[in-house]
C-alpha atoms as a PDB file:
ATOM      1  CA  MET A   1      60.097  -1.704   4.220  1.00  0.00           C
ATOM      2  CA  LYS A   2      61.286  -4.673   2.166  1.00  0.00           C
ATOM      3  CA  ARG A   3      63.471  -7.745   2.551  1.00  0.00           C
ATOM      4  CA  LEU A   4      67.004  -6.323   2.393  1.00  0.00           C
ATOM      5  CA  TYR A   5      70.238  -8.181   3.237  1.00  0.00           C
ATOM      6  CA  TYR A   6      73.909  -7.687   2.368  1.00  0.00           C
ATOM      7  CA  SER A   7      74.767 -11.217   1.276  1.00  0.00           C
ATOM      8  CA  ASP A   8      74.257 -14.941   1.722  1.00  0.00           C
ATOM      9  CA  ALA A   9      70.438 -14.744   1.504  1.00  0.00           C
ATOM     10  CA  SER A  10      68.259 -17.674   0.439  1.00  0.00           C
ATOM     11  CA  ASP A  11      65.788 -17.909  -2.454  1.00  0.00           C
ATOM     12  CA  THR A  12      63.268 -19.627  -0.173  1.00  0.00           C
ATOM     13  CA  PRO A  13      61.964 -18.568   3.232  1.00  0.00           C
ATOM     14  CA  PRO A  14      63.484 -20.280   6.288  1.00  0.00           C
ATOM     15  CA  SER A  15      61.564 -22.992   8.105  1.00  0.00           C
ATOM     16  CA  PRO A  16      60.540 -22.644  11.742  1.00  0.00           C
ATOM     17  CA  PRO A  17      62.992 -24.192  14.261  1.00  0.00           C
ATOM     18  CA  LYS A  18      62.386 -27.869  14.890  1.00  0.00           C
ATOM     19  CA  ASN A  19      62.509 -27.423  18.659  1.00  0.00           C
ATOM     20  CA  PRO A  20      61.599 -23.767  19.238  1.00  0.00           C
ATOM     21  CA  ILE A  21      61.478 -22.162  22.651  1.00  0.00           C
ATOM     22  CA  THR A  22      58.183 -20.215  22.684  1.00  0.00           C
ATOM     23  CA  THR A  23      57.492 -19.669  26.388  1.00  0.00           C
ATOM     24  CA  GLN A  24      60.728 -18.000  27.560  1.00  0.00           C
ATOM     25  CA  TYR A  25      62.468 -14.682  26.967  1.00  0.00           C
ATOM     26  CA  PRO A  26      65.794 -13.683  25.337  1.00  0.00           C
ATOM     27  CA  GLN A  27      68.881 -13.085  27.512  1.00  0.00           C
ATOM     28  CA  ASP A  28      72.338 -11.567  27.055  1.00  0.00           C
ATOM     29  CA  GLY A  29      74.438 -14.522  28.188  1.00  0.00           C
ATOM     30  CA  ASN A  30      77.042 -14.622  30.983  1.00  0.00           C
ATOM     31  CA  ARG A  31      80.781 -15.021  30.222  1.00  0.00           C
ATOM     32  CA  ALA A  32      81.604 -15.902  33.818  1.00  0.00           C
ATOM     33  CA  LYS A  33      79.159 -18.799  33.722  1.00  0.00           C
ATOM     34  CA  LYS A  34      80.084 -19.593  30.110  1.00  0.00           C
ATOM     35  CA  GLN A  35      76.432 -19.009  29.204  1.00  0.00           C
ATOM     36  CA  MET A  36      75.783 -18.019  25.580  1.00  0.00           C
ATOM     37  CA  PRO A  37      73.234 -15.331  24.688  1.00  0.00           C
ATOM     38  CA  THR A  38      69.928 -16.289  23.123  1.00  0.00           C
ATOM     39  CA  VAL A  39      70.229 -17.442  19.515  1.00  0.00           C
ATOM     40  CA  ILE A  40      67.659 -15.655  17.383  1.00  0.00           C
ATOM     41  CA  GLY A  41      67.992 -17.449  14.090  1.00  0.00           C
ATOM     42  CA  ALA A  42      66.951 -16.608  10.548  1.00  0.00           C
ATOM     43  CA  TYR A  43      63.311 -17.491  11.071  1.00  0.00           C
ATOM     44  CA  TRP A  44      62.881 -14.781  13.720  1.00  0.00           C
ATOM     45  CA  TYR A  45      64.107 -12.088  11.292  1.00  0.00           C
ATOM     46  CA  HIS A  46      61.922 -13.571   8.566  1.00  0.00           C
ATOM     47  CA  MET A  47      58.885 -13.623  10.870  1.00  0.00           C
ATOM     48  CA  ILE A  48      59.243  -9.972  11.945  1.00  0.00           C
ATOM     49  CA  THR A  49      59.910  -8.744   8.392  1.00  0.00           C
ATOM     50  CA  GLU A  50      56.908 -10.592   6.960  1.00  0.00           C
ATOM     51  CA  GLU A  51      54.625  -9.281   9.711  1.00  0.00           C
ATOM     52  CA  PHE A  52      55.600  -5.681   8.963  1.00  0.00           C
ATOM     53  CA  MET A  53      55.292  -6.163   5.206  1.00  0.00           C
ATOM     54  CA  ALA A  54      51.837  -7.731   5.658  1.00  0.00           C
ATOM     55  CA  VAL A  55      50.647  -4.646   7.594  1.00  0.00           C
ATOM     56  CA  ILE A  56      51.960  -2.345   4.857  1.00  0.00           C
ATOM     57  CA  GLU A  57      50.440  -4.386   2.022  1.00  0.00           C
ATOM     58  CA  GLN A  58      47.083  -4.724   3.792  1.00  0.00           C
ATOM     59  CA  ALA A  59      46.985  -0.920   3.931  1.00  0.00           C
ATOM     60  CA  GLY A  60      47.265  -0.860   0.126  1.00  0.00           C
ATOM     61  CA  LEU A  61      50.906   0.260  -0.009  1.00  0.00           C
ATOM     62  CA  GLU A  62      53.846  -1.232  -1.900  1.00  0.00           C
ATOM     63  CA  PRO A  63      56.716  -2.148   0.459  1.00  0.00           C
ATOM     64  CA  SER A  64      59.669   0.155  -0.241  1.00  0.00           C
ATOM     65  CA  LEU A  65      63.432  -0.240   0.149  1.00  0.00           C
ATOM     66  CA  THR A  66      64.013   3.429   0.976  1.00  0.00           C
ATOM     67  CA  ASN A  67      60.795   4.577   2.686  1.00  0.00           C
ATOM     68  CA  LEU A  68      61.378   3.858   6.379  1.00  0.00           C
ATOM     69  CA  HIS A  69      58.141   5.322   7.691  1.00  0.00           C
ATOM     70  CA  GLN A  70      55.560   3.197   5.904  1.00  0.00           C
ATOM     71  CA  LEU A  71      54.360   1.659   9.182  1.00  0.00           C
ATOM     72  CA  ALA A  72      54.061   5.163  10.651  1.00  0.00           C
ATOM     73  CA  ASP A  73      52.004   6.186   7.607  1.00  0.00           C
ATOM     74  CA  VAL A  74      49.675   3.219   8.123  1.00  0.00           C
ATOM     75  CA  PHE A  75      49.196   4.075  11.798  1.00  0.00           C
ATOM     76  CA  ALA A  76      48.619   7.746  10.952  1.00  0.00           C
ATOM     77  CA  ASP A  77      45.915   6.666   8.478  1.00  0.00           C
ATOM     78  CA  PHE A  78      44.334   4.508  11.183  1.00  0.00           C
ATOM     79  CA  LYS A  79      44.288   7.500  13.537  1.00  0.00           C
ATOM     80  CA  THR A  80      42.711   9.686  10.844  1.00  0.00           C
ATOM     81  CA  ARG A  81      40.009   7.083  10.245  1.00  0.00           C
ATOM     82  CA  ALA A  82      39.377   6.808  13.987  1.00  0.00           C
ATOM     83  CA  ALA A  83      39.016  10.590  14.226  1.00  0.00           C
ATOM     84  CA  GLY A  84      36.601  10.474  11.268  1.00  0.00           C
ATOM     85  CA  ALA A  85      34.595   7.784  13.048  1.00  0.00           C
ATOM     86  CA  GLU A  86      34.433  10.006  16.140  1.00  0.00           C
ATOM     87  CA  ALA A  87      33.177  12.922  14.041  1.00  0.00           C
ATOM     88  CA  TYR A  88      30.616  10.667  12.349  1.00  0.00           C
ATOM     89  CA  LYS A  89      29.481   9.417  15.735  1.00  0.00           C
ATOM     90  CA  THR A  90      28.993  12.987  16.970  1.00  0.00           C
ATOM     91  CA  ALA A  91      27.069  13.913  13.809  1.00  0.00           C
ATOM     92  CA  ALA A  92      24.933  10.768  14.059  1.00  0.00           C
ATOM     93  CA  GLU A  93      24.076  11.518  17.688  1.00  0.00           C
ATOM     94  CA  ALA A  94      23.144  15.114  16.799  1.00  0.00           C
ATOM     95  CA  ALA A  95      20.998  13.960  13.853  1.00  0.00           C
ATOM     96  CA  ALA A  96      19.289  11.329  15.985  1.00  0.00           C
ATOM     97  CA  THR A  97      18.580  13.937  18.672  1.00  0.00           C
ATOM     98  CA  ARG A  98      17.102  16.304  16.080  1.00  0.00           C
ATOM     99  CA  ALA A  99      14.970  13.492  14.654  1.00  0.00           C
ATOM    100  CA  GLU A 100      13.705  12.558  18.094  1.00  0.00           C
ATOM    101  CA  THR A 101      12.895  16.197  18.878  1.00  0.00           C
ATOM    102  CA  ALA A 102      11.032  16.538  15.576  1.00  0.00           C
ATOM    103  CA  ALA A 103       9.134  13.308  16.187  1.00  0.00           C
ATOM    104  CA  ASN A 104       8.154  14.430  19.675  1.00  0.00           C
ATOM    105  CA  GLY A 105       7.027  17.774  18.234  1.00  0.00           C
ATOM    106  CA  VAL A 106       4.875  16.014  15.642  1.00  0.00           C
ATOM    107  CA  VAL A 107       3.364  13.783  18.306  1.00  0.00           C
ATOM    108  CA  THR A 108       2.562  16.768  20.524  1.00  0.00           C
ATOM    109  CA  GLU A 109       1.117  18.821  17.671  1.00  0.00           C
ATOM    110  CA  THR A 110      -0.933  15.888  16.384  1.00  0.00           C
ATOM    111  CA  ALA A 111      -2.300  15.186  19.860  1.00  0.00           C
ATOM    112  CA  SER A 112      -3.282  18.843  20.156  1.00  0.00           C
ATOM    113  CA  LYS A 113      -5.043  18.762  16.772  1.00  0.00           C
ATOM    114  CA  ILE A 114      -6.900  15.592  17.725  1.00  0.00           C
ATOM    115  CA  LYS A 115      -8.058  17.253  20.930  1.00  0.00           C
ATOM    116  CA  GLU A 116      -9.297  20.303  18.990  1.00  0.00           C
ATOM    117  CA  ILE A 117     -11.113  18.062  16.472  1.00  0.00           C
ATOM    118  CA  ASP A 118     -12.727  16.108  19.309  1.00  0.00           C
ATOM    119  CA  ALA A 119     -13.909  19.296  20.992  1.00  0.00           C
ATOM    120  CA  GLU A 120     -15.287  20.761  17.753  1.00  0.00           C
ATOM    121  CA  GLY A 121     -16.940  17.437  16.876  1.00  0.00           C
ATOM    122  CA  ASP A 122     -18.617  17.241  20.280  1.00  0.00           C
ATOM    123  CA  LYS A 123     -19.794  20.835  19.853  1.00  0.00           C
ATOM    124  CA  GLN A 124     -21.298  20.148  16.416  1.00  0.00           C
ATOM    125  CA  VAL A 125     -22.944  16.926  17.547  1.00  0.00           C
ATOM    126  CA  LYS A 126     -24.545  18.708  20.498  1.00  0.00           C
ATOM    127  CA  ALA A 127     -25.796  21.520  18.253  1.00  0.00           C
ATOM    128  CA  VAL A 128     -27.337  19.017  15.833  1.00  0.00           C
ATOM    129  CA  GLN A 129     -28.902  17.079  18.682  1.00  0.00           C
ATOM    130  CA  ASP A 130     -30.370  20.237  20.220  1.00  0.00           C
ATOM    131  CA  ALA A 131     -31.734  21.420  16.861  1.00  0.00           C
ATOM    132  CA  GLY A 132     -33.082  17.954  16.128  1.00  0.00           C
ATOM    133  CA  SER A 133     -34.816  17.830  19.484  1.00  0.00           C
ATOM    134  CA  THR A 134     -36.477  21.226  18.889  1.00  0.00           C
ATOM    135  CA  VAL A 135     -37.597  20.326  15.369  1.00  0.00           C
ATOM    136  CA  SER A 136     -38.879  16.954  16.515  1.00  0.00           C
ATOM    137  CA  SER A 137     -40.914  18.609  19.253  1.00  0.00           C
ATOM    138  CA  ASP A 138     -42.441  21.101  16.781  1.00  0.00           C
ATOM    139  CA  ILE A 139     -43.225  18.362  14.257  1.00  0.00           C
ATOM    140  CA  GLU A 140     -44.735  16.152  16.907  1.00  0.00           C
ATOM    141  CA  ALA A 141     -46.956  18.978  18.152  1.00  0.00           C
ATOM    142  CA  GLY A 142     -48.105  19.893  14.623  1.00  0.00           C
ATOM    143  CA  LYS A 143     -48.746  16.260  13.711  1.00  0.00           C
ATOM    144  CA  THR A 144     -50.795  15.699  16.845  1.00  0.00           C
ATOM    145  CA  ALA A 145     -52.868  18.827  16.185  1.00  0.00           C
ATOM    146  CA  LEU A 146     -53.503  17.792  12.564  1.00  0.00           C
ATOM    147  CA  GLN A 147     -54.484  14.280  13.566  1.00  0.00           C
ATOM    148  CA  THR A 148     -56.907  15.695  16.121  1.00  0.00           C
ATOM    149  CA  LYS A 149     -58.519  18.021  13.557  1.00  0.00           C
ATOM    150  CA  LEU A 150     -58.824  15.259  10.955  1.00  0.00           C
ATOM    151  CA  THR A 151     -60.378  12.894  13.476  1.00  0.00           C
ATOM    152  CA  GLU A 152     -62.889  15.569  14.474  1.00  0.00           C
ATOM    153  CA  LEU A 153     -63.624  16.289  10.770  1.00  0.00           C
ATOM    154  CA  ILE A 154     -64.223  12.606  10.019  1.00  0.00           C
ATOM    155  CA  ALA A 155     -66.603  12.327  13.013  1.00  0.00           C
ATOM    156  CA  LYS A 156     -68.478  15.424  11.898  1.00  0.00           C
ATOM    157  CA  LEU A 157     -68.807  14.143   8.327  1.00  0.00           C
ATOM    158  CA  ASP A 158     -70.123  10.813   9.618  1.00  0.00           C
ATOM    159  CA  THR A 159     -72.846  12.737  11.410  1.00  0.00           C
ATOM    160  CA  GLU A 160     -73.803  14.814   8.364  1.00  0.00           C
ATOM    161  CA  GLY A 161     -73.709  11.917   5.863  1.00  0.00           C
ATOM    162  CA  GLY A 162     -74.241  12.390   2.086  1.00  0.00           C
ATOM    163  CA  THR A 163     -72.082  11.757  -0.973  1.00  0.00           C
ATOM    164  CA  GLU A 164     -69.988  14.903  -0.649  1.00  0.00           C
ATOM    165  CA  ALA A 165     -69.403  14.269   3.031  1.00  0.00           C
ATOM    166  CA  ALA A 166     -68.307  10.717   2.277  1.00  0.00           C
ATOM    167  CA  TYR A 167     -65.845  12.003  -0.361  1.00  0.00           C
ATOM    168  CA  VAL A 168     -64.350  14.575   1.990  1.00  0.00           C
ATOM    169  CA  LYS A 169     -64.244  11.989   4.755  1.00  0.00           C
ATOM    170  CA  GLN A 170     -62.254   9.625   2.519  1.00  0.00           C
ATOM    171  CA  GLN A 171     -59.762  12.387   1.721  1.00  0.00           C
ATOM    172  CA  ALA A 172     -59.377  13.182   5.406  1.00  0.00           C
ATOM    173  CA  GLN A 173     -58.854   9.490   6.166  1.00  0.00           C
ATOM    174  CA  ASP A 174     -56.224   9.245   3.398  1.00  0.00           C
ATOM    175  CA  ILE A 175     -54.349  12.189   4.890  1.00  0.00           C
ATOM    176  CA  LEU A 176     -54.515  10.605   8.339  1.00  0.00           C
ATOM    177  CA  ASP A 177     -53.182   7.334   6.933  1.00  0.00           C
ATOM    178  CA  GLN A 178     -50.348   9.175   5.179  1.00  0.00           C
ATOM    179  CA  ILE A 179     -49.394  10.824   8.454  1.00  0.00           C
ATOM    180  CA  THR A 180     -49.244   7.427  10.143  1.00  0.00           C
ATOM    181  CA  THR A 181     -47.150   6.005   7.304  1.00  0.00           C
ATOM    182  CA  SER A 182     -44.804   8.990   7.347  1.00  0.00           C
ATOM    183  CA  GLU A 183     -44.424   8.646  11.090  1.00  0.00           C
ATOM    184  CA  SER A 184     -43.440   4.987  10.687  1.00  0.00           C
ATOM    185  CA  ASN A 185     -40.981   5.853   7.924  1.00  0.00           C
ATOM    186  CA  ALA A 186     -39.512   8.654  10.006  1.00  0.00           C
ATOM    187  CA  LYS A 187     -39.016   6.266  12.905  1.00  0.00           C
ATOM    188  CA  THR A 188     -37.206   3.776  10.639  1.00  0.00           C
ATOM    189  CA  TYR A 189     -35.038   6.582   9.243  1.00  0.00           C
ATOM    190  CA  ALA A 190     -34.167   7.749  12.742  1.00  0.00           C
ATOM    191  CA  GLU A 191     -33.141   4.240  13.749  1.00  0.00           C
ATOM    192  CA  ASN A 192     -30.963   3.909  10.649  1.00  0.00           C
ATOM    193  CA  ALA A 193     -29.405   7.318  11.289  1.00  0.00           C
ATOM    194  CA  ALA A 194     -28.652   6.324  14.886  1.00  0.00           C
ATOM    195  CA  ALA A 195     -26.991   3.117  13.681  1.00  0.00           C
ATOM    196  CA  SER A 196     -24.935   5.107  11.144  1.00  0.00           C
ATOM    197  CA  ALA A 197     -23.902   7.597  13.817  1.00  0.00           C
ATOM    198  CA  SER A 198     -22.821   4.755  16.093  1.00  0.00           C
ATOM    199  CA  SER A 199     -20.805   3.200  13.277  1.00  0.00           C
ATOM    200  CA  ALA A 200     -19.219   6.561  12.473  1.00  0.00           C
ATOM    201  CA  ALA A 201     -18.302   7.065  16.116  1.00  0.00           C
ATOM    202  CA  THR A 202     -16.666   3.640  16.158  1.00  0.00           C
ATOM    203  CA  THR A 203     -14.745   4.460  12.968  1.00  0.00           C
ATOM    204  CA  VAL A 204     -13.554   7.773  14.392  1.00  0.00           C
ATOM    205  CA  SER A 205     -12.472   6.028  17.596  1.00  0.00           C
ATOM    206  CA  ASP A 206     -10.593   3.390  15.620  1.00  0.00           C
ATOM    207  CA  GLY A 207      -8.948   6.113  13.528  1.00  0.00           C
ATOM    208  CA  LYS A 208      -7.839   7.993  16.616  1.00  0.00           C
ATOM    209  CA  GLN A 209      -6.400   4.811  18.085  1.00  0.00           C
ATOM    210  CA  ALA A 210      -4.604   4.068  14.813  1.00  0.00           C
ATOM    211  CA  ILE A 211      -3.072   7.563  14.850  1.00  0.00           C
ATOM    212  CA  THR A 212      -1.978   7.090  18.449  1.00  0.00           C
ATOM    213  CA  ASP A 213      -0.444   3.691  17.658  1.00  0.00           C
ATOM    214  CA  LEU A 214       1.321   5.135  14.616  1.00  0.00           C
ATOM    215  CA  GLN A 215       2.750   7.960  16.695  1.00  0.00           C
ATOM    216  CA  ALA A 216       4.020   5.513  19.300  1.00  0.00           C
ATOM    217  CA  ALA A 217       5.541   3.283  16.615  1.00  0.00           C
ATOM    218  CA  ALA A 218       7.245   6.254  14.927  1.00  0.00           C
ATOM    219  CA  THR A 219       8.708   7.472  18.205  1.00  0.00           C
ATOM    220  CA  ALA A 220       9.916   3.977  19.098  1.00  0.00           C
ATOM    221  CA  ALA A 221      11.452   3.558  15.637  1.00  0.00           C
ATOM    222  CA  VAL A 222      13.329   6.864  15.907  1.00  0.00           C
ATOM    223  CA  GLN A 223      14.628   5.977  19.357  1.00  0.00           C
ATOM    224  CA  ALA A 224      15.646   2.471  18.257  1.00  0.00           C
ATOM    225  CA  GLN A 225      17.419   3.850  15.171  1.00  0.00           C
ATOM    226  CA  GLN A 226      19.232   6.391  17.306  1.00  0.00           C
ATOM    227  CA  THR A 227      20.405   3.707  19.744  1.00  0.00           C
ATOM    228  CA  THR A 228      21.474   1.355  16.941  1.00  0.00           C
ATOM    229  CA  SER A 229      23.364   4.050  14.999  1.00  0.00           C
ATOM    230  CA  VAL A 230      25.197   5.371  18.037  1.00  0.00           C
ATOM    231  CA  LYS A 231      26.130   1.862  19.205  1.00  0.00           C
ATOM    232  CA  ALA A 232      27.375   0.833  15.755  1.00  0.00           C
ATOM    233  CA  VAL A 233      29.553   3.929  15.466  1.00  0.00           C
ATOM    234  CA  SER A 234      30.850   3.515  19.019  1.00  0.00           C
ATOM    235  CA  ASP A 235      31.701  -0.147  18.409  1.00  0.00           C
ATOM    236  CA  ALA A 236      33.468   0.653  15.129  1.00  0.00           C
ATOM    237  CA  GLN A 237      35.388   3.486  16.748  1.00  0.00           C
ATOM    238  CA  SER A 238      36.403   1.325  19.713  1.00  0.00           C
ATOM    239  CA  THR A 239      37.516  -1.485  17.408  1.00  0.00           C
ATOM    240  CA  ALA A 240      39.560   0.902  15.262  1.00  0.00           C
ATOM    241  CA  GLN A 241      41.226   2.515  18.275  1.00  0.00           C
ATOM    242  CA  THR A 242      42.035  -0.879  19.796  1.00  0.00           C
ATOM    243  CA  ALA A 243      43.485  -2.100  16.493  1.00  0.00           C
ATOM    244  CA  VAL A 244      45.654   1.015  16.155  1.00  0.00           C
ATOM    245  CA  ALA A 245      46.913   0.755  19.739  1.00  0.00           C
ATOM    246  CA  SER A 246      47.651  -2.974  19.410  1.00  0.00           C
ATOM    247  CA  ALA A 247      49.425  -2.568  16.082  1.00  0.00           C
ATOM    248  CA  GLN A 248      51.520   0.323  17.381  1.00  0.00           C
ATOM    249  CA  SER A 249      52.456  -1.582  20.513  1.00  0.00           C
ATOM    250  CA  ALA A 250      53.362  -4.711  18.545  1.00  0.00           C
ATOM    251  CA  ALA A 251      55.411  -2.733  16.034  1.00  0.00           C
ATOM    252  CA  VAL A 252      57.338  -0.837  18.702  1.00  0.00           C
ATOM    253  CA  SER A 253      58.006  -4.017  20.687  1.00  0.00           C
ATOM    254  CA  ALA A 254      59.141  -5.875  17.581  1.00  0.00           C
ATOM    255  CA  VAL A 255      61.491  -3.080  16.516  1.00  0.00           C
ATOM    256  CA  LYS A 256      62.984  -2.821  19.990  1.00  0.00           C
ATOM    257  CA  ALA A 257      63.413  -6.583  20.183  1.00  0.00           C
ATOM    258  CA  GLN A 258      65.085  -6.677  16.767  1.00  0.00           C
ATOM    259  CA  GLU A 259      67.465  -3.873  17.723  1.00  0.00           C
ATOM    260  CA  THR A 260      68.335  -5.587  20.992  1.00  0.00           C
ATOM    261  CA  ALA A 261      68.860  -8.924  19.289  1.00  0.00           C
ATOM    262  CA  SER A 262      71.093  -7.355  16.653  1.00  0.00           C
ATOM    263  CA  LEU A 263      73.179  -5.632  19.322  1.00  0.00           C
ATOM    264  CA  HIS A 264      73.474  -8.874  21.280  1.00  0.00           C
ATOM    265  CA  THR A 265      74.606 -10.723  18.192  1.00  0.00           C
ATOM    266  CA  ILE A 266      77.253  -8.099  17.456  1.00  0.00           C
ATOM    267  CA  GLU A 267      78.469  -8.126  21.075  1.00  0.00           C
ATOM    268  CA  THR A 268      78.698 -11.916  21.052  1.00  0.00           C
ATOM    269  CA  GLU A 269      80.722 -11.883  17.866  1.00  0.00           C
ATOM    270  CA  MET A 270      83.037  -9.249  19.297  1.00  0.00           C
ATOM    271  CA  GLU A 271      83.486 -11.222  22.498  1.00  0.00           C
ATOM    272  CA  THR A 272      84.292 -14.331  20.475  1.00  0.00           C
ATOM    273  CA  ILE A 273      86.895 -12.378  18.531  1.00  0.00           C
ATOM    274  CA  ASP A 274      88.451 -11.045  21.750  1.00  0.00           C
ATOM    275  CA  LEU A 275      88.559 -14.499  23.285  1.00  0.00           C
ATOM    276  CA  GLY A 276      90.205 -15.880  20.160  1.00  0.00           C
ATOM    277  CA  GLY A 277      92.897 -13.193  20.310  1.00  0.00           C
ATOM    278  CA  LEU A 278      93.668 -13.919  23.940  1.00  0.00           C
ATOM    279  CA  SER A 279      94.083 -17.603  23.389  1.00  0.00           C
END
């Protein structure tokens, strides 16, 4: 579509009417009442033509003198894009659903693994505790027996007296002192080990909580992304469909109005000619 007239066209666009009527509707006129039909004017033709050309140019096309379906081509392209948006929306929803299913599967599998690790950890800790209790009991019994024998030996050597007895007694006393020192060191080590175990338990608990929080965050992120993507596609699709429908409606109405106005103008001219002949 392009500006195309037979003759008497202007080099500059027409100006809007000084006193336009913008709230009423066109009418055919009434000869009996000597009422003239609505006068359209050059600006109305200019306005409609420029609107159509703007739609064509905005679509990236060059207005043509001979191609009379450029507006139809633009609307067809709009429909194609809207159909593409619908297909993209469907694909996005399917992808989001698959992502959510995968995320839920990971969460479930991870939770199961954590449960297995917890159970195995509890089992190992109990085994170590049981073994430690047995060994501690055996060591305690042996230590007590040794201390008793050394004490008895020292008492016996005190009774016998003599240089050799004193030497043996000193050795026995040294061994007894070493046992006491070892017992103290063992107690300190046990306390440190207990503190380390408590710290490790806290670290494991914190790690488990971090994993749980991460799982929750990942699931929430997937769900949020799914909602955002679907909404964006739906909004774009709705906007495109509305634009296509509005443009089609406006174009059809404008064409019909232009045809009607042209017919009315021709009829008026013919009536004027007839009236002139009669007079």
